[in-house]
PDB file of all heavy atoms in Angstrom:
ATOM      1  N   VAL A   1      57.144  30.181 -28.510  1.00  0.00           N
ATOM      2  CA  VAL A   1      56.243  31.067 -27.772  1.00  0.00           C
ATOM      3  C   VAL A   1      54.920  31.211 -28.525  1.00  0.00           C
ATOM      4  O   VAL A   1      53.831  31.150 -27.935  1.00  0.00           O
ATOM      5  CB  VAL A   1      56.885  32.448 -27.553  1.00  0.00           C
ATOM      6  CG1 VAL A   1      55.869  33.440 -26.986  1.00  0.00           C
ATOM      7  CG2 VAL A   1      58.063  32.329 -26.589  1.00  0.00           C
ATOM      8  N   PHE A   2      54.998  31.380 -29.839  1.00  0.00           N
ATOM      9  CA  PHE A   2      53.770  31.492 -30.636  1.00  0.00           C
ATOM     10  C   PHE A   2      52.940  30.215 -30.529  1.00  0.00           C
ATOM     11  O   PHE A   2      51.727  30.264 -30.344  1.00  0.00           O
ATOM     12  CB  PHE A   2      54.107  31.758 -32.100  1.00  0.00           C
ATOM     13  CG  PHE A   2      52.895  31.783 -33.001  1.00  0.00           C
ATOM     14  CD1 PHE A   2      52.110  32.913 -33.084  1.00  0.00           C
ATOM     15  CD2 PHE A   2      52.537  30.670 -33.750  1.00  0.00           C
ATOM     16  CE1 PHE A   2      50.986  32.954 -33.904  1.00  0.00           C
ATOM     17  CE2 PHE A   2      51.416  30.697 -34.560  1.00  0.00           C
ATOM     18  CZ  PHE A   2      50.632  31.842 -34.639  1.00  0.00           C
ATOM     19  N   ASN A   3      53.586  29.067 -30.641  1.00  0.00           N
ATOM     20  CA  ASN A   3      52.855  27.810 -30.569  1.00  0.00           C
ATOM     21  C   ASN A   3      52.187  27.632 -29.220  1.00  0.00           C
ATOM     22  O   ASN A   3      51.057  27.133 -29.128  1.00  0.00           O
ATOM     23  CB  ASN A   3      53.791  26.626 -30.842  1.00  0.00           C
ATOM     24  CG  ASN A   3      54.095  26.465 -32.307  1.00  0.00           C
ATOM     25  OD1 ASN A   3      53.396  27.014 -33.163  1.00  0.00           O
ATOM     26  ND2 ASN A   3      55.152  25.741 -32.622  1.00  0.00           N
ATOM     27  N   GLU A   4      52.863  28.019 -28.158  1.00  0.00           N
ATOM     28  CA  GLU A   4      52.261  27.922 -26.835  1.00  0.00           C
ATOM     29  C   GLU A   4      51.088  28.882 -26.726  1.00  0.00           C
ATOM     30  O   GLU A   4      50.051  28.548 -26.168  1.00  0.00           O
ATOM     31  CB  GLU A   4      53.290  28.220 -25.753  1.00  0.00           C
ATOM     32  CG  GLU A   4      52.795  27.932 -24.354  1.00  0.00           C
ATOM     33  CD  GLU A   4      52.421  26.478 -24.133  1.00  0.00           C
ATOM     34  OE1 GLU A   4      53.147  25.586 -24.600  1.00  0.00           O
ATOM     35  OE2 GLU A   4      51.379  26.237 -23.487  1.00  0.00           O
ATOM     36  N   GLY A   5      51.263  30.078 -27.282  1.00  0.00           N
ATOM     37  CA  GLY A   5      50.175  31.050 -27.245  1.00  0.00           C
ATOM     38  C   GLY A   5      49.023  30.659 -28.139  1.00  0.00           C
ATOM     39  O   GLY A   5      47.874  30.981 -27.873  1.00  0.00           O
ATOM     40  N   TYR A   6      49.319  29.920 -29.214  1.00  0.00           N
ATOM     41  CA  TYR A   6      48.302  29.544 -30.198  1.00  0.00           C
ATOM     42  C   TYR A   6      47.448  28.384 -29.718  1.00  0.00           C
ATOM     43  O   TYR A   6      46.257  28.335 -29.962  1.00  0.00           O
ATOM     44  CB  TYR A   6      48.997  29.162 -31.505  1.00  0.00           C
ATOM     45  CG  TYR A   6      48.070  28.972 -32.685  1.00  0.00           C
ATOM     46  CD1 TYR A   6      47.396  30.059 -33.240  1.00  0.00           C
ATOM     47  CD2 TYR A   6      47.878  27.728 -33.247  1.00  0.00           C
ATOM     48  CE1 TYR A   6      46.556  29.905 -34.328  1.00  0.00           C
ATOM     49  CE2 TYR A   6      47.039  27.557 -34.347  1.00  0.00           C
ATOM     50  CZ  TYR A   6      46.381  28.649 -34.881  1.00  0.00           C
ATOM     51  OH  TYR A   6      45.555  28.479 -35.951  1.00  0.00           O
ATOM     52  N   SER A   7      48.084  27.437 -28.996  1.00  0.00           N
ATOM     53  CA  SER A   7      47.346  26.234 -28.623  1.00  0.00           C
ATOM     54  C   SER A   7      47.383  25.927 -27.138  1.00  0.00           C
ATOM     55  O   SER A   7      46.810  24.947 -26.700  1.00  0.00           O
ATOM     56  CB  SER A   7      47.922  25.019 -29.377  1.00  0.00           C
ATOM     57  OG  SER A   7      49.290  24.834 -29.047  1.00  0.00           O
ATOM     58  N   GLY A   8      48.053  26.749 -26.328  1.00  0.00           N
ATOM     59  CA  GLY A   8      48.216  26.438 -24.932  1.00  0.00           C
ATOM     60  C   GLY A   8      47.298  27.236 -24.034  1.00  0.00           C
ATOM     61  O   GLY A   8      46.253  27.738 -24.429  1.00  0.00           O
ATOM     62  N   ASP A   9      47.723  27.340 -22.764  1.00  0.00           N
ATOM     63  CA  ASP A   9      46.889  27.963 -21.750  1.00  0.00           C
ATOM     64  C   ASP A   9      47.109  29.469 -21.641  1.00  0.00           C
ATOM     65  O   ASP A   9      46.337  30.168 -21.000  1.00  0.00           O
ATOM     66  CB  ASP A   9      47.180  27.321 -20.391  1.00  0.00           C
ATOM     67  CG  ASP A   9      46.924  25.819 -20.419  1.00  0.00           C
ATOM     68  OD1 ASP A   9      45.959  25.418 -21.081  1.00  0.00           O
ATOM     69  OD2 ASP A   9      47.687  25.067 -19.797  1.00  0.00           O
ATOM     70  N   ILE A  10      48.186  29.984 -22.208  1.00  0.00           N
ATOM     71  CA  ILE A  10      48.523  31.406 -22.110  1.00  0.00           C
ATOM     72  C   ILE A  10      48.546  32.004 -23.514  1.00  0.00           C
ATOM     73  O   ILE A  10      49.144  31.443 -24.421  1.00  0.00           O
ATOM     74  CB  ILE A  10      49.903  31.597 -21.450  1.00  0.00           C
ATOM     75  CG1 ILE A  10      49.916  30.951 -20.057  1.00  0.00           C
ATOM     76  CG2 ILE A  10      50.264  33.074 -21.348  1.00  0.00           C
ATOM     77  CD1 ILE A  10      51.266  30.967 -19.401  1.00  0.00           C
ATOM     78  N   ASP A  11      47.869  33.154 -23.671  1.00  0.00           N
ATOM     79  CA  ASP A  11      47.810  33.768 -24.993  1.00  0.00           C
ATOM     80  C   ASP A  11      49.041  34.637 -25.213  1.00  0.00           C
ATOM     81  O   ASP A  11      49.088  35.797 -24.822  1.00  0.00           O
ATOM     82  CB  ASP A  11      46.538  34.601 -25.125  1.00  0.00           C
ATOM     83  CG  ASP A  11      46.381  35.158 -26.529  1.00  0.00           C
ATOM     84  OD1 ASP A  11      47.244  34.851 -27.376  1.00  0.00           O
ATOM     85  OD2 ASP A  11      45.413  35.882 -26.780  1.00  0.00           O
ATOM     86  N   LEU A  12      50.049  34.062 -25.850  1.00  0.00           N
ATOM     87  CA  LEU A  12      51.274  34.782 -26.174  1.00  0.00           C
ATOM     88  C   LEU A  12      51.423  34.992 -27.681  1.00  0.00           C
ATOM     89  O   LEU A  12      52.431  35.525 -28.131  1.00  0.00           O
ATOM     90  CB  LEU A  12      52.499  34.019 -25.651  1.00  0.00           C
ATOM     91  CG  LEU A  12      52.600  33.853 -24.139  1.00  0.00           C
ATOM     92  CD1 LEU A  12      53.735  32.908 -23.797  1.00  0.00           C
ATOM     93  CD2 LEU A  12      52.809  35.195 -23.464  1.00  0.00           C
ATOM     94  N   ALA A  13      50.434  34.532 -28.452  1.00  0.00           N
ATOM     95  CA  ALA A  13      50.587  34.555 -29.904  1.00  0.00           C
ATOM     96  C   ALA A  13      50.735  35.973 -30.446  1.00  0.00           C
ATOM     97  O   ALA A  13      51.590  36.243 -31.295  1.00  0.00           O
ATOM     98  CB  ALA A  13      49.396  33.860 -30.564  1.00  0.00           C
ATOM     99  N   ALA A  14      49.907  36.910 -29.968  1.00  0.00           N
ATOM    100  CA  ALA A  14      49.976  38.280 -30.471  1.00  0.00           C
ATOM    101  C   ALA A  14      51.325  38.911 -30.148  1.00  0.00           C
ATOM    102  O   ALA A  14      51.886  39.654 -30.960  1.00  0.00           O
ATOM    103  CB  ALA A  14      48.834  39.109 -29.878  1.00  0.00           C
ATOM    104  N   GLU A  15      51.858  38.623 -28.953  1.00  0.00           N
ATOM    105  CA  GLU A  15      53.163  39.170 -28.591  1.00  0.00           C
ATOM    106  C   GLU A  15      54.259  38.584 -29.474  1.00  0.00           C
ATOM    107  O   GLU A  15      55.176  39.302 -29.898  1.00  0.00           O
ATOM    108  CB  GLU A  15      53.441  38.866 -27.111  1.00  0.00           C
ATOM    109  CG  GLU A  15      54.837  39.239 -26.631  1.00  0.00           C
ATOM    110  CD  GLU A  15      55.065  40.743 -26.528  1.00  0.00           C
ATOM    111  OE1 GLU A  15      54.220  41.517 -27.024  1.00  0.00           O
ATOM    112  OE2 GLU A  15      56.101  41.144 -25.968  1.00  0.00           O
ATOM    113  N   ALA A  16      54.181  37.283 -29.759  1.00  0.00           N
ATOM    114  CA  ALA A  16      55.180  36.666 -30.633  1.00  0.00           C
ATOM    115  C   ALA A  16      55.132  37.282 -32.028  1.00  0.00           C
ATOM    116  O   ALA A  16      56.175  37.531 -32.646  1.00  0.00           O
ATOM    117  CB  ALA A  16      54.955  35.155 -30.704  1.00  0.00           C
ATOM    118  N   ILE A  17      53.927  37.541 -32.536  1.00  0.00           N
ATOM    119  CA  ILE A  17      53.791  38.168 -33.852  1.00  0.00           C
ATOM    120  C   ILE A  17      54.372  39.577 -33.822  1.00  0.00           C
ATOM    121  O   ILE A  17      55.090  39.994 -34.741  1.00  0.00           O
ATOM    122  CB  ILE A  17      52.314  38.201 -34.295  1.00  0.00           C
ATOM    123  CG1 ILE A  17      51.828  36.777 -34.608  1.00  0.00           C
ATOM    124  CG2 ILE A  17      52.130  39.102 -35.511  1.00  0.00           C
ATOM    125  CD1 ILE A  17      50.351  36.687 -34.908  1.00  0.00           C
ATOM    126  N   ARG A  18      54.089  40.325 -32.768  1.00  0.00           N
ATOM    127  CA  ARG A  18      54.593  41.690 -32.654  1.00  0.00           C
ATOM    128  C   ARG A  18      56.116  41.714 -32.704  1.00  0.00           C
ATOM    129  O   ARG A  18      56.721  42.512 -33.429  1.00  0.00           O
ATOM    130  CB  ARG A  18      54.104  42.326 -31.352  1.00  0.00           C
ATOM    131  CG  ARG A  18      54.445  43.809 -31.218  1.00  0.00           C
ATOM    132  CD  ARG A  18      54.066  44.333 -29.835  1.00  0.00           C
ATOM    133  NE  ARG A  18      54.970  43.839 -28.813  1.00  0.00           N
ATOM    134  CZ  ARG A  18      56.143  44.380 -28.524  1.00  0.00           C
ATOM    135  NH1 ARG A  18      56.582  45.425 -29.216  1.00  0.00           N
ATOM    136  NH2 ARG A  18      56.899  43.886 -27.565  1.00  0.00           N
ATOM    137  N   LEU A  19      56.745  40.839 -31.935  1.00  0.00           N
ATOM    138  CA  LEU A  19      58.203  40.815 -31.875  1.00  0.00           C
ATOM    139  C   LEU A  19      58.806  40.324 -33.194  1.00  0.00           C
ATOM    140  O   LEU A  19      59.829  40.845 -33.654  1.00  0.00           O
ATOM    141  CB  LEU A  19      58.666  39.932 -30.719  1.00  0.00           C
ATOM    142  CG  LEU A  19      58.367  40.488 -29.321  1.00  0.00           C
ATOM    143  CD1 LEU A  19      58.674  39.441 -28.254  1.00  0.00           C
ATOM    144  CD2 LEU A  19      59.149  41.769 -29.053  1.00  0.00           C
ATOM    145  N   THR A  20      58.182  39.329 -33.807  1.00  0.00           N
ATOM    146  CA  THR A  20      58.696  38.821 -35.077  1.00  0.00           C
ATOM    147  C   THR A  20      58.540  39.864 -36.172  1.00  0.00           C
ATOM    148  O   THR A  20      59.422  40.034 -37.025  1.00  0.00           O
ATOM    149  CB  THR A  20      57.964  37.526 -35.479  1.00  0.00           C
ATOM    150  OG1 THR A  20      58.035  36.595 -34.400  1.00  0.00           O
ATOM    151  CG2 THR A  20      58.606  36.902 -36.713  1.00  0.00           C
ATOM    152  N   ARG A  21      57.442  40.599 -36.141  1.00  0.00           N
ATOM    153  CA  ARG A  21      57.248  41.672 -37.116  1.00  0.00           C
ATOM    154  C   ARG A  21      58.340  42.738 -36.943  1.00  0.00           C
ATOM    155  O   ARG A  21      58.894  43.233 -37.927  1.00  0.00           O
ATOM    156  CB  ARG A  21      55.860  42.303 -36.945  1.00  0.00           C
ATOM    157  CG  ARG A  21      55.489  43.260 -38.074  1.00  0.00           C
ATOM    158  CD  ARG A  21      54.226  44.028 -37.729  1.00  0.00           C
ATOM    159  NE  ARG A  21      53.079  43.178 -37.534  1.00  0.00           N
ATOM    160  CZ  ARG A  21      52.343  42.672 -38.514  1.00  0.00           C
ATOM    161  NH1 ARG A  21      52.658  42.935 -39.764  1.00  0.00           N
ATOM    162  NH2 ARG A  21      51.292  41.918 -38.249  1.00  0.00           N
ATOM    163  N   GLN A  22      58.660  43.061 -35.685  1.00  0.00           N
ATOM    164  CA  GLN A  22      59.692  44.063 -35.452  1.00  0.00           C
ATOM    165  C   GLN A  22      61.055  43.550 -35.918  1.00  0.00           C
ATOM    166  O   GLN A  22      61.831  44.287 -36.524  1.00  0.00           O
ATOM    167  CB  GLN A  22      59.766  44.414 -33.973  1.00  0.00           C
ATOM    168  CG  GLN A  22      60.761  45.537 -33.701  1.00  0.00           C
ATOM    169  CD  GLN A  22      60.936  45.830 -32.232  1.00  0.00           C
ATOM    170  OE1 GLN A  22      60.318  45.187 -31.397  1.00  0.00           O
ATOM    171  NE2 GLN A  22      61.780  46.783 -31.919  1.00  0.00           N
ATOM    172  N   LEU A  23      61.328  42.260 -35.644  1.00  0.00           N
ATOM    173  CA  LEU A  23      62.597  41.681 -36.083  1.00  0.00           C
ATOM    174  C   LEU A  23      62.692  41.692 -37.606  1.00  0.00           C
ATOM    175  O   LEU A  23      63.767  41.931 -38.173  1.00  0.00           O
ATOM    176  CB  LEU A  23      62.733  40.258 -35.543  1.00  0.00           C
ATOM    177  CG  LEU A  23      64.059  39.544 -35.791  1.00  0.00           C
ATOM    178  CD1 LEU A  23      65.216  40.345 -35.210  1.00  0.00           C
ATOM    179  CD2 LEU A  23      64.028  38.138 -35.199  1.00  0.00           C
ATOM    180  N   ALA A  24      61.571  41.446 -38.277  1.00  0.00           N
ATOM    181  CA  ALA A  24      61.556  41.481 -39.739  1.00  0.00           C
ATOM    182  C   ALA A  24      61.845  42.889 -40.259  1.00  0.00           C
ATOM    183  O   ALA A  24      62.489  43.056 -41.302  1.00  0.00           O
ATOM    184  CB  ALA A  24      60.208  40.993 -40.265  1.00  0.00           C
ATOM    185  N   GLU A  25      61.375  43.911 -39.513  1.00  0.00           N
ATOM    186  CA  GLU A  25      61.652  45.287 -39.919  1.00  0.00           C
ATOM    187  C   GLU A  25      63.115  45.651 -39.712  1.00  0.00           C
ATOM    188  O   GLU A  25      63.671  46.474 -40.445  1.00  0.00           O
ATOM    189  CB  GLU A  25      60.763  46.243 -39.114  1.00  0.00           C
ATOM    190  CG  GLU A  25      59.271  46.125 -39.430  1.00  0.00           C
ATOM    191  CD  GLU A  25      58.424  46.911 -38.448  1.00  0.00           C
ATOM    192  OE1 GLU A  25      58.991  47.497 -37.500  1.00  0.00           O
ATOM    193  OE2 GLU A  25      57.184  46.934 -38.625  1.00  0.00           O
ATOM    194  N   GLU A  26      63.743  45.031 -38.715  1.00  0.00           N
ATOM    195  CA  GLU A  26      65.137  45.350 -38.385  1.00  0.00           C
ATOM    196  C   GLU A  26      66.135  44.604 -39.278  1.00  0.00           C
ATOM    197  O   GLU A  26      67.298  44.998 -39.373  1.00  0.00           O
ATOM    198  CB  GLU A  26      65.417  44.995 -36.918  1.00  0.00           C
ATOM    199  CG  GLU A  26      64.572  45.739 -35.909  1.00  0.00           C
ATOM    200  CD  GLU A  26      65.038  47.157 -35.684  1.00  0.00           C
ATOM    201  OE1 GLU A  26      66.166  47.460 -36.101  1.00  0.00           O
ATOM    202  OE2 GLU A  26      64.270  47.952 -35.109  1.00  0.00           O
ATOM    203  N   THR A  27      65.702  43.503 -39.887  1.00  0.00           N
ATOM    204  CA  THR A  27      66.611  42.671 -40.680  1.00  0.00           C
ATOM    205  C   THR A  27      66.000  42.382 -42.040  1.00  0.00           C
ATOM    206  O   THR A  27      64.843  42.681 -42.299  1.00  0.00           O
ATOM    207  CB  THR A  27      66.883  41.322 -39.979  1.00  0.00           C
ATOM    208  OG1 THR A  27      65.680  40.531 -40.005  1.00  0.00           O
ATOM    209  CG2 THR A  27      67.314  41.518 -38.539  1.00  0.00           C
ATOM    210  N   ARG A  28      66.797  41.767 -42.905  1.00  0.00           N
ATOM    211  CA  ARG A  28      66.277  41.245 -44.176  1.00  0.00           C
ATOM    212  C   ARG A  28      66.565  39.744 -44.237  1.00  0.00           C
ATOM    213  O   ARG A  28      66.967  39.222 -45.260  1.00  0.00           O
ATOM    214  CB  ARG A  28      66.916  41.980 -45.360  1.00  0.00           C
ATOM    215  CG  ARG A  28      66.313  43.337 -45.629  1.00  0.00           C
ATOM    216  CD  ARG A  28      66.837  43.952 -46.911  1.00  0.00           C
ATOM    217  NE  ARG A  28      66.679  43.088 -48.067  1.00  0.00           N
ATOM    218  CZ  ARG A  28      65.544  42.954 -48.755  1.00  0.00           C
ATOM    219  NH1 ARG A  28      64.469  43.625 -48.397  1.00  0.00           N
ATOM    220  NH2 ARG A  28      65.502  42.166 -49.809  1.00  0.00           N
ATOM    221  N   HIS A  29      66.357  39.093 -43.117  1.00  0.00           N
ATOM    222  CA  HIS A  29      66.618  37.664 -43.000  1.00  0.00           C
ATOM    223  C   HIS A  29      65.412  36.890 -43.552  1.00  0.00           C
ATOM    224  O   HIS A  29      64.283  37.092 -43.110  1.00  0.00           O
ATOM    225  CB  HIS A  29      66.872  37.312 -41.531  1.00  0.00           C
ATOM    226  CG  HIS A  29      67.506  35.985 -41.318  1.00  0.00           C
ATOM    227  ND1 HIS A  29      66.855  34.796 -41.557  1.00  0.00           N
ATOM    228  CD2 HIS A  29      68.747  35.651 -40.874  1.00  0.00           C
ATOM    229  CE1 HIS A  29      67.659  33.782 -41.271  1.00  0.00           C
ATOM    230  NE2 HIS A  29      68.813  34.275 -40.848  1.00  0.00           N
ATOM    231  N   GLU A  30      65.676  35.987 -44.503  1.00  0.00           N
ATOM    232  CA  GLU A  30      64.575  35.275 -45.160  1.00  0.00           C
ATOM    233  C   GLU A  30      63.754  34.449 -44.175  1.00  0.00           C
ATOM    234  O   GLU A  30      62.521  34.361 -44.281  1.00  0.00           O
ATOM    235  CB  GLU A  30      65.123  34.338 -46.256  1.00  0.00           C
ATOM    236  CG  GLU A  30      65.820  35.048 -47.400  1.00  0.00           C
ATOM    237  CD  GLU A  30      67.238  35.443 -47.051  1.00  0.00           C
ATOM    238  OE1 GLU A  30      67.747  34.972 -46.012  1.00  0.00           O
ATOM    239  OE2 GLU A  30      67.843  36.227 -47.810  1.00  0.00           O
ATOM    240  N   GLU A  31      64.423  33.835 -43.203  1.00  0.00           N
ATOM    241  CA  GLU A  31      63.702  32.990 -42.269  1.00  0.00           C
ATOM    242  C   GLU A  31      62.892  33.798 -41.255  1.00  0.00           C
ATOM    243  O   GLU A  31      61.884  33.320 -40.751  1.00  0.00           O
ATOM    244  CB  GLU A  31      64.673  32.051 -41.541  1.00  0.00           C
ATOM    245  CG  GLU A  31      65.037  30.816 -42.343  1.00  0.00           C
ATOM    246  CD  GLU A  31      63.844  29.886 -42.509  1.00  0.00           C
ATOM    247  OE1 GLU A  31      63.005  30.145 -43.407  1.00  0.00           O
ATOM    248  OE2 GLU A  31      63.736  28.912 -41.762  1.00  0.00           O
ATOM    249  N   VAL A  32      63.319  35.021 -40.967  1.00  0.00           N
ATOM    250  CA  VAL A  32      62.491  35.893 -40.134  1.00  0.00           C
ATOM    251  C   VAL A  32      61.180  36.172 -40.863  1.00  0.00           C
ATOM    252  O   VAL A  32      60.094  36.086 -40.288  1.00  0.00           O
ATOM    253  CB  VAL A  32      63.224  37.203 -39.803  1.00  0.00           C
ATOM    254  CG1 VAL A  32      62.314  38.139 -39.010  1.00  0.00           C
ATOM    255  CG2 VAL A  32      64.499  36.916 -39.016  1.00  0.00           C
TER     256      VAL A  32
END
């Protein structure tokens, strides 16, 4: 979703960052 928002026709990058940031707050997963 971020890649599509970053280089595609629809700006989804900010939403992908928002959700990933929230997931990082909810977990301590290194890959998150």
